[in-house]
Amino acid sequence: MSSPITLQAVENEAQTLACFAVMCELRPHLHDAQAFVEQIGRQAVQGYRLLAAWRGDEVVALAGYRLQENTLYGRFVYLDDLVTRASEQRSGVGQQLIEAVRGEALRAGCAYLVLDTGLGNALAQRFYFRNDLLARGMHFAQSLQEIGA
């Protein structure tokens, strides 16, 4: 029988390093574990929080999020990163992470939980719909590297 899932806030470099392999499943452009740890540290200064789902001593899923406020949503939580190891998908751990982040948003007085996903990511979109997250718009971006300095 496999170990139960435990959700734990990531609070130090060792825990952050333990998250690297799982985050790479969502962000395959990440190649350097130490650079990842440093980036998460910089993001934490900006309010980013990382919640890890552990099965025993192994991280199996992550939710990276931040409390924000803007004129569109008021106070809200933005879910930057949500990833579950392929071997853990359909185990309910993704839903547990969303519920935990949603609970924190409610306790903080937030009016919305917001996230983005790729237009072609139908599996993720179905998962979000099942978790009461509805599409409300489109996200636009421009790489500034393409226009030069």
Protein backbone atom coordinates (compact mmCIF):
# COMPACT_ATOMS: atom_id res chain seq x y z
CA MET A 1 0.00 0.00 0.00
CA SER A 2 1.38 3.42 -0.90
CA SER A 3 1.95 6.17 1.63
CA PRO A 4 -0.73 8.83 2.13
CA ILE A 5 -0.34 12.28 0.57
CA THR A 6 0.87 15.07 2.85
CA LEU A 7 0.67 18.72 1.77
CA GLN A 8 3.46 20.94 3.07
CA ALA A 9 4.54 24.50 2.36
CA VAL A 10 8.04 24.59 0.86
CA GLU A 11 10.11 26.70 3.24
CA ASN A 12 13.79 26.02 2.63
CA GLU A 13 16.36 25.27 -0.06
CA ALA A 14 16.41 21.50 0.56
CA GLN A 15 12.63 21.28 0.13
CA THR A 16 12.81 23.49 -2.97
CA LEU A 17 15.49 21.27 -4.46
CA ALA A 18 13.25 18.23 -3.81
CA CYS A 19 10.60 19.92 -6.00
CA PHE A 20 12.84 20.43 -9.03
CA ALA A 21 12.15 17.15 -10.89
CA VAL A 22 8.37 17.57 -10.57
CA MET A 23 8.48 21.21 -11.69
CA CYS A 24 10.50 20.14 -14.74
CA GLU A 25 7.52 18.03 -15.87
CA LEU A 26 5.55 21.28 -16.19
CA ARG A 27 8.46 23.55 -17.14
CA PRO A 28 10.83 21.43 -19.26
CA HIS A 29 12.94 24.48 -20.10
CA LEU A 30 14.34 24.35 -16.55
CA HIS A 31 17.70 22.57 -16.63
CA ASP A 32 19.66 23.69 -13.58
CA ALA A 33 18.46 22.66 -10.13
CA GLN A 34 20.49 25.32 -8.30
CA ALA A 35 19.22 28.05 -10.66
CA PHE A 36 15.69 26.81 -9.92
CA VAL A 37 16.25 27.09 -6.17
CA GLU A 38 17.58 30.63 -6.63
CA GLN A 39 14.65 31.61 -8.85
CA ILE A 40 12.09 30.29 -6.36
CA GLY A 41 13.88 32.34 -3.69
CA ARG A 42 13.57 35.50 -5.81
CA GLN A 43 9.92 34.76 -6.53
CA ALA A 44 9.28 34.21 -2.80
CA VAL A 45 10.40 37.78 -2.16
CA GLN A 46 7.61 38.79 -4.58
CA GLY A 47 5.03 36.73 -2.65
CA TYR A 48 5.30 33.40 -4.49
CA ARG A 49 4.48 30.35 -2.37
CA LEU A 50 5.12 26.74 -3.22
CA LEU A 51 2.97 23.95 -1.80
CA ALA A 52 4.28 20.42 -2.25
CA ALA A 53 2.38 17.15 -2.10
CA TRP A 54 4.58 14.47 -0.61
CA ARG A 55 4.08 10.72 -0.76
CA GLY A 56 6.53 9.53 1.86
CA ASP A 57 9.81 11.31 1.17
CA GLU A 58 9.04 12.06 -2.50
CA VAL A 59 7.41 15.17 -3.96
CA VAL A 60 4.64 14.02 -6.32
CA ALA A 61 2.83 17.28 -7.09
CA LEU A 62 3.19 21.05 -6.70
CA ALA A 63 1.14 24.21 -6.59
CA GLY A 64 2.96 27.54 -6.92
CA TYR A 65 0.81 30.58 -6.27
CA ARG A 66 0.72 34.17 -5.05
CA LEU A 67 -1.78 36.47 -3.41
CA GLN A 68 -2.37 39.52 -5.61
CA GLU A 69 -4.70 42.43 -6.11
CA ASN A 70 -5.75 44.27 -9.25
CA THR A 71 -8.65 46.31 -10.59
CA LEU A 72 -10.13 43.35 -12.47
CA TYR A 73 -10.43 40.80 -9.65
CA GLY A 74 -9.75 42.77 -6.49
CA ARG A 75 -7.87 40.48 -4.07
CA PHE A 76 -7.20 37.13 -5.72
CA VAL A 77 -4.86 34.16 -5.79
CA TYR A 78 -2.97 33.52 -9.01
CA LEU A 79 -1.98 29.89 -9.48
CA ASP A 80 1.31 30.10 -11.42
CA ASP A 81 2.20 26.43 -11.40
CA LEU A 82 0.16 23.26 -10.91
CA VAL A 83 1.78 19.96 -11.78
CA THR A 84 1.31 16.33 -10.82
CA ARG A 85 3.74 13.57 -11.72
CA ALA A 86 2.31 11.43 -14.51
CA SER A 87 2.32 8.41 -12.18
CA GLU A 88 0.08 10.30 -9.71
CA GLN A 89 -2.43 11.76 -12.15
CA ARG A 90 -6.01 10.69 -11.43
CA SER A 91 -5.06 10.06 -7.80
CA GLY A 92 -6.83 13.21 -6.59
CA VAL A 93 -3.66 15.01 -5.53
CA GLY A 94 -4.15 17.84 -8.05
CA GLN A 95 -7.62 18.43 -6.67
CA GLN A 96 -6.21 18.39 -3.12
CA LEU A 97 -3.73 21.11 -4.09
CA ILE A 98 -6.40 23.27 -5.71
CA GLU A 99 -8.62 22.88 -2.65
CA ALA A 100 -5.74 23.84 -0.35
CA VAL A 101 -4.90 26.94 -2.40
CA ARG A 102 -8.60 27.83 -2.66
CA GLY A 103 -8.90 27.54 1.12
CA GLU A 104 -5.94 29.84 1.65
CA ALA A 105 -7.45 32.34 -0.80
CA LEU A 106 -10.73 32.33 1.11
CA ARG A 107 -8.95 32.80 4.45
CA ALA A 108 -7.06 35.76 2.94
CA GLY A 109 -10.30 37.39 1.80
CA CYS A 110 -9.71 36.81 -1.89
CA ALA A 111 -12.59 37.01 -4.34
CA TYR A 112 -11.08 34.79 -7.08
CA LEU A 113 -8.73 31.94 -7.86
CA VAL A 114 -7.13 32.60 -11.27
CA LEU A 115 -4.83 30.57 -13.51
CA ASP A 116 -3.76 30.29 -17.13
CA THR A 117 -3.36 27.18 -19.24
CA GLY A 118 -2.33 26.54 -22.82
CA LEU A 119 -5.04 26.68 -25.47
CA GLY A 120 -4.08 23.21 -26.66
CA ASN A 121 -3.99 21.62 -23.23
CA ALA A 122 -7.40 19.93 -23.33
CA LEU A 123 -6.67 17.50 -20.47
CA ALA A 124 -5.79 20.34 -18.10
CA GLN A 125 -8.82 22.33 -19.25
CA ARG A 126 -11.16 19.43 -18.45
CA PHE A 127 -9.51 19.05 -15.06
CA TYR A 128 -10.02 22.76 -14.32
CA PHE A 129 -13.68 22.63 -15.40
CA ARG A 130 -14.23 19.66 -13.08
CA ASN A 131 -12.77 21.78 -10.29
CA ASP A 132 -15.17 24.70 -10.95
CA LEU A 133 -12.60 26.90 -12.73
CA LEU A 134 -14.22 28.45 -15.78
CA ALA A 135 -12.61 30.15 -18.78
CA ARG A 136 -13.15 33.91 -18.60
CA GLY A 137 -10.73 35.25 -21.20
CA MET A 138 -7.56 34.73 -23.14
CA HIS A 139 -4.03 35.43 -21.97
CA PHE A 140 -1.76 37.34 -24.38
CA ALA A 141 2.02 37.62 -24.18
CA GLN A 142 4.92 38.93 -26.22
CA SER A 143 8.52 37.82 -25.91
CA LEU A 144 10.55 40.99 -25.57
CA GLN A 145 13.66 39.07 -26.61
CA GLU A 146 12.18 38.93 -30.11
CA ILE A 147 12.08 42.73 -30.50
CA GLY A 148 15.61 43.34 -29.23
CA ALA A 149 17.02 45.81 -26.78
